[in-house]
Protein backbone atom coordinates (compact mmCIF):
# COMPACT_ATOMS: atom_id res chain seq x y z
CA MET A 1 90.23 96.85 64.75
CA VAL A 2 91.21 94.38 67.46
CA ASP A 3 94.78 93.16 67.83
CA MET A 4 96.02 90.87 70.61
CA LYS A 5 99.66 89.84 70.79
CA ASN A 6 100.86 86.98 73.01
CA VAL A 7 98.09 87.63 75.52
CA ASN A 8 97.82 85.62 78.71
CA VAL A 9 95.35 86.08 81.56
CA HIS A 10 96.13 84.31 84.82
CA TYR A 11 93.70 84.76 87.72
CA SER A 12 94.81 84.72 91.35
CA SER A 13 92.65 81.60 91.86
CA GLY A 14 95.20 79.74 89.75
CA VAL A 15 93.09 79.62 86.58
CA ASP A 16 94.76 80.33 83.24
CA ALA A 17 91.78 81.97 81.55
CA LEU A 18 93.60 82.79 78.31
CA VAL A 19 96.81 81.24 77.02
CA ASP A 20 99.05 82.82 74.37
CA ILE A 21 96.26 84.51 72.39
CA ASN A 22 97.24 86.06 69.06
CA LEU A 23 94.25 87.56 67.32
CA HIS A 24 93.65 90.17 64.64
CA ILE A 25 90.19 91.39 63.59
CA ASN A 26 90.02 93.92 60.77
CA ASP A 27 87.65 96.87 60.54
CA GLY A 28 84.37 95.82 58.96
CA GLU A 29 84.58 92.11 59.83
CA PHE A 30 81.81 90.02 61.34
CA VAL A 31 83.29 87.44 63.71
CA PHE A 32 81.69 84.67 65.74
CA ILE A 33 83.59 83.70 68.90
CA VAL A 34 82.42 80.30 70.12
CA GLY A 35 83.35 77.91 72.89
CA GLU A 36 81.91 76.01 75.81
CA SER A 37 81.34 77.54 79.23
CA GLY A 38 84.70 78.32 80.82
CA ALA A 39 86.53 78.41 77.50
CA GLY A 40 87.62 82.04 77.98
CA LYS A 41 84.98 83.93 75.98
CA SER A 42 84.00 86.25 78.83
CA THR A 43 87.63 87.00 79.64
CA LEU A 44 88.29 87.87 76.00
CA MET A 45 85.32 90.24 76.05
CA LYS A 46 86.51 91.91 79.26
CA LEU A 47 89.90 92.51 77.67
CA MET A 48 88.32 94.20 74.64
CA MET A 49 86.22 96.41 76.95
CA ARG A 50 89.24 97.23 79.14
CA GLU A 51 87.51 95.81 82.22
CA ILE A 52 90.70 93.84 82.86
CA THR A 53 94.26 93.95 81.56
CA PRO A 54 96.29 90.90 80.51
CA SER A 55 98.83 89.27 82.80
CA SER A 56 101.18 89.53 79.82
CA GLY A 57 100.94 90.58 76.19
CA ARG A 58 99.31 93.58 74.55
CA VAL A 59 95.75 94.42 73.54
CA PHE A 60 94.88 97.07 70.94
CA VAL A 61 91.32 98.13 70.10
CA ASN A 62 90.55 100.88 67.60
CA GLY A 63 94.23 101.71 67.50
CA ARG A 64 94.55 102.22 71.26
CA ASN A 65 96.92 100.26 73.46
CA LEU A 66 94.48 99.37 76.25
CA GLY A 67 97.28 98.60 78.67
CA THR A 68 98.33 102.25 78.74
CA LEU A 69 94.86 103.74 79.28
CA LYS A 70 94.22 105.27 82.69
CA GLY A 71 91.50 107.20 84.46
CA ASN A 72 89.05 109.12 82.31
CA LYS A 73 90.69 107.82 79.12
CA ILE A 74 89.25 104.40 79.92
CA ALA A 75 85.74 105.87 80.09
CA MET A 76 86.29 107.76 76.84
CA PHE A 77 87.52 104.59 75.14
CA ARG A 78 84.43 102.65 76.23
CA ARG A 79 82.23 105.26 74.59
CA SER A 80 83.93 104.44 71.29
CA ILE A 81 82.67 100.84 71.32
CA GLY A 82 79.18 99.41 71.62
CA VAL A 83 78.48 96.49 73.94
CA VAL A 84 75.30 94.43 74.20
CA PHE A 85 75.27 92.44 77.43
CA GLN A 86 73.55 89.11 77.86
CA GLU A 87 71.28 90.52 80.58
CA PHE A 88 70.47 93.67 78.52
CA ARG A 89 71.01 96.13 81.47
CA LEU A 90 68.11 98.32 80.39
CA ILE A 91 66.21 100.72 82.67
CA GLN A 92 62.84 99.00 82.88
CA ASP A 93 60.75 102.05 83.85
CA TYR A 94 62.23 104.19 81.07
CA THR A 95 60.69 104.25 77.62
CA VAL A 96 62.51 102.75 74.65
CA TYR A 97 63.43 106.28 73.52
CA GLU A 98 64.70 107.25 76.99
CA ASN A 99 66.92 104.16 77.24
CA VAL A 100 68.70 104.99 73.99
CA ALA A 101 68.84 108.71 74.76
CA PHE A 102 70.44 107.92 78.12
CA ALA A 103 73.53 106.48 76.39
CA LEU A 104 73.91 109.71 74.42
CA ARG A 105 73.43 111.93 77.46
CA VAL A 106 76.16 110.06 79.31
CA ALA A 107 78.44 110.89 76.38
CA ASP A 108 77.48 114.60 76.67
CA SER A 109 75.71 114.66 73.31
CA SER A 110 73.64 117.73 72.49
CA ASN A 111 69.85 117.68 72.58
CA LYS A 112 69.85 118.15 68.81
CA THR A 113 72.05 115.07 68.34
CA ILE A 114 69.78 113.05 70.64
CA ARG A 115 66.66 114.09 68.73
CA GLN A 116 68.27 113.04 65.46
CA ARG A 117 70.17 109.93 66.51
CA VAL A 118 67.60 108.12 68.67
CA PRO A 119 64.90 107.79 65.98
CA TYR A 120 67.55 106.73 63.48
CA VAL A 121 68.85 103.78 65.53
CA LEU A 122 65.34 102.76 66.64
CA ASN A 123 64.26 102.57 63.01
CA LEU A 124 67.42 100.61 62.24
CA VAL A 125 66.35 97.90 64.70
CA GLU A 126 62.70 98.21 63.63
CA LEU A 127 61.47 99.65 66.91
CA GLY A 128 60.47 103.14 65.80
CA PRO A 129 56.76 102.55 66.58
CA LYS A 130 57.68 101.37 70.10
CA ALA A 131 59.63 104.51 71.05
CA LYS A 132 57.14 105.62 73.74
CA HIS A 133 56.62 102.17 75.25
CA LYS A 134 58.15 101.32 78.61
CA VAL A 135 60.86 98.69 78.31
CA ARG A 136 59.10 96.43 80.81
CA GLU A 137 56.17 96.22 78.39
CA LEU A 138 58.30 94.67 75.63
CA SER A 139 59.04 91.07 74.75
CA GLY A 140 62.51 89.61 75.31
CA GLY A 141 63.34 89.93 71.62
CA GLU A 142 62.24 93.57 71.58
CA GLN A 143 64.30 94.33 74.68
CA GLN A 144 67.31 92.79 72.97
CA ARG A 145 66.78 95.16 70.05
CA VAL A 146 66.60 98.12 72.43
CA ALA A 147 69.94 97.02 73.88
CA ILE A 148 71.41 96.90 70.36
CA ALA A 149 69.99 100.35 69.54
CA ARG A 150 71.51 101.75 72.73
CA ALA A 151 74.88 100.20 71.90
CA LEU A 152 74.72 101.84 68.46
CA ALA A 153 73.67 105.24 69.80
CA ASN A 154 77.16 106.76 69.74
CA ASP A 155 77.91 105.33 66.27
CA PRO A 156 80.69 102.96 67.41
CA GLY A 157 83.08 101.40 64.94
CA LEU A 158 83.02 98.16 66.97
CA LEU A 159 79.98 96.34 68.35
CA ILE A 160 80.52 93.47 70.82
CA VAL A 161 77.47 91.28 71.44
CA ASP A 162 77.48 88.75 74.29
CA GLU A 163 75.23 85.67 73.89
CA PRO A 164 72.39 87.71 72.29
CA THR A 165 70.16 84.73 71.54
CA GLY A 166 70.24 83.02 74.92
CA ASN A 167 66.66 83.99 75.84
CA LEU A 168 65.12 83.91 72.36
CA ASP A 169 63.25 81.20 70.46
CA PRO A 170 64.97 79.85 67.31
CA LYS A 171 63.04 82.06 64.85
CA ARG A 172 63.83 85.27 66.79
CA SER A 173 67.44 84.15 67.17
CA TYR A 174 67.92 83.89 63.41
CA GLU A 175 66.19 87.24 62.88
CA LEU A 176 68.45 88.89 65.44
CA VAL A 177 71.66 87.60 63.87
CA GLY A 178 70.28 88.70 60.50
CA LEU A 179 69.91 92.20 61.99
CA LEU A 180 73.49 92.13 63.26
CA LYS A 181 74.65 91.08 59.80
CA GLU A 182 72.81 94.05 58.32
CA ILE A 183 74.45 96.39 60.85
CA ASN A 184 77.79 94.91 59.81
CA ARG A 185 77.01 95.55 56.13
CA CYS A 186 76.56 99.21 57.05
CA GLY A 187 80.21 99.31 58.13
CA THR A 188 80.25 98.40 61.83
CA THR A 189 82.67 95.69 62.96
CA VAL A 190 80.64 93.06 64.85
CA ILE A 191 82.00 90.48 67.29
CA MET A 192 79.33 88.05 68.46
CA ILE A 193 80.10 85.77 71.39
CA THR A 194 77.89 82.69 71.38
CA HIS A 195 77.58 79.00 72.14
CA GLU A 196 74.82 78.52 69.53
CA HIS A 197 76.68 76.37 67.00
CA GLU A 198 73.63 75.90 64.76
CA LEU A 199 73.37 79.66 64.26
CA VAL A 200 77.05 79.86 63.43
CA ARG A 201 76.82 77.03 60.91
CA TYR A 202 73.78 78.63 59.27
CA PHE A 203 75.24 82.12 58.82
CA GLY A 204 78.88 81.14 58.32
CA GLY A 205 81.72 83.63 58.13
CA ARG A 206 84.80 83.92 60.30
CA ILE A 207 84.57 81.59 63.29
CA ILE A 208 87.00 81.58 66.21
CA ASN A 209 86.78 78.71 68.67
CA LEU A 210 88.17 78.94 72.20
CA ASP A 211 88.93 75.87 74.27
CA LYS A 212 90.50 76.03 77.73
CA GLY A 213 91.76 79.53 77.07
CA SER A 214 93.38 78.84 73.70
CA ILE A 215 92.29 79.52 70.14
CA THR A 216 91.88 76.11 68.53
CA PHE A 217 90.15 77.19 65.32
CA ASP A 218 90.10 80.44 63.32
CA GLU A 219 88.72 79.99 59.82
CA MET A 220 86.17 81.25 57.30
CA MET A 221 83.26 78.88 56.82
CA GLY A 222 80.39 78.93 54.34
CA GLY A 223 76.85 79.15 55.71
CA SER A 224 73.66 77.28 54.85
CA ASP A 225 71.37 78.38 52.05
CA TYR A 226 68.18 78.08 54.03
CA TYR A 227 66.65 77.80 57.46
CA GLU A 228 63.65 75.60 58.19
CA GLU A 229 61.44 76.68 61.08
């Protein structure tokens, strides 16, 4: 669950990155957050990750008031959410298996948990056969799937995905969002930040548009029935 109440973010440079944001996302939702460059998408993501705190207002994620978190509680909170960054942030000389296992080791998971969980999430993203391959040997689309598997390693209730299709061709982009939809159907709340309006129109669902730091649109929209390559 994500709940933002009267949130404003004002940077010292004089930029009002977010203006009076009121937002509620229920457990189990799939939400597209769209907007042009500079609209406030990245700032919204940083708030949900507790990388920054608002200038005013309150932010709750998974029932926690992020404004009151300090020290090691911030690190513990971040382990409860999964984040897929636009640049992947994978360890190129590690294997696919090692990259996912690394996320579990950081969370002090047992060796038994790692042996059980890593194959499960790799199969979920259809990368089981690639487990022993070095990440640098994979295509961009495959690396994106490794990043998703790593974000799912600790079984988070919330998955935040930042511009996941930016480096993919149209076919792979649609396949990737289809995968995220399937992950959502398994019970994970998914927030996808994107500027790909065609993808959003095709899949439909709840769409939130940001413009100059304000929410200008928050509605459910129907998707298309087909996609032509």
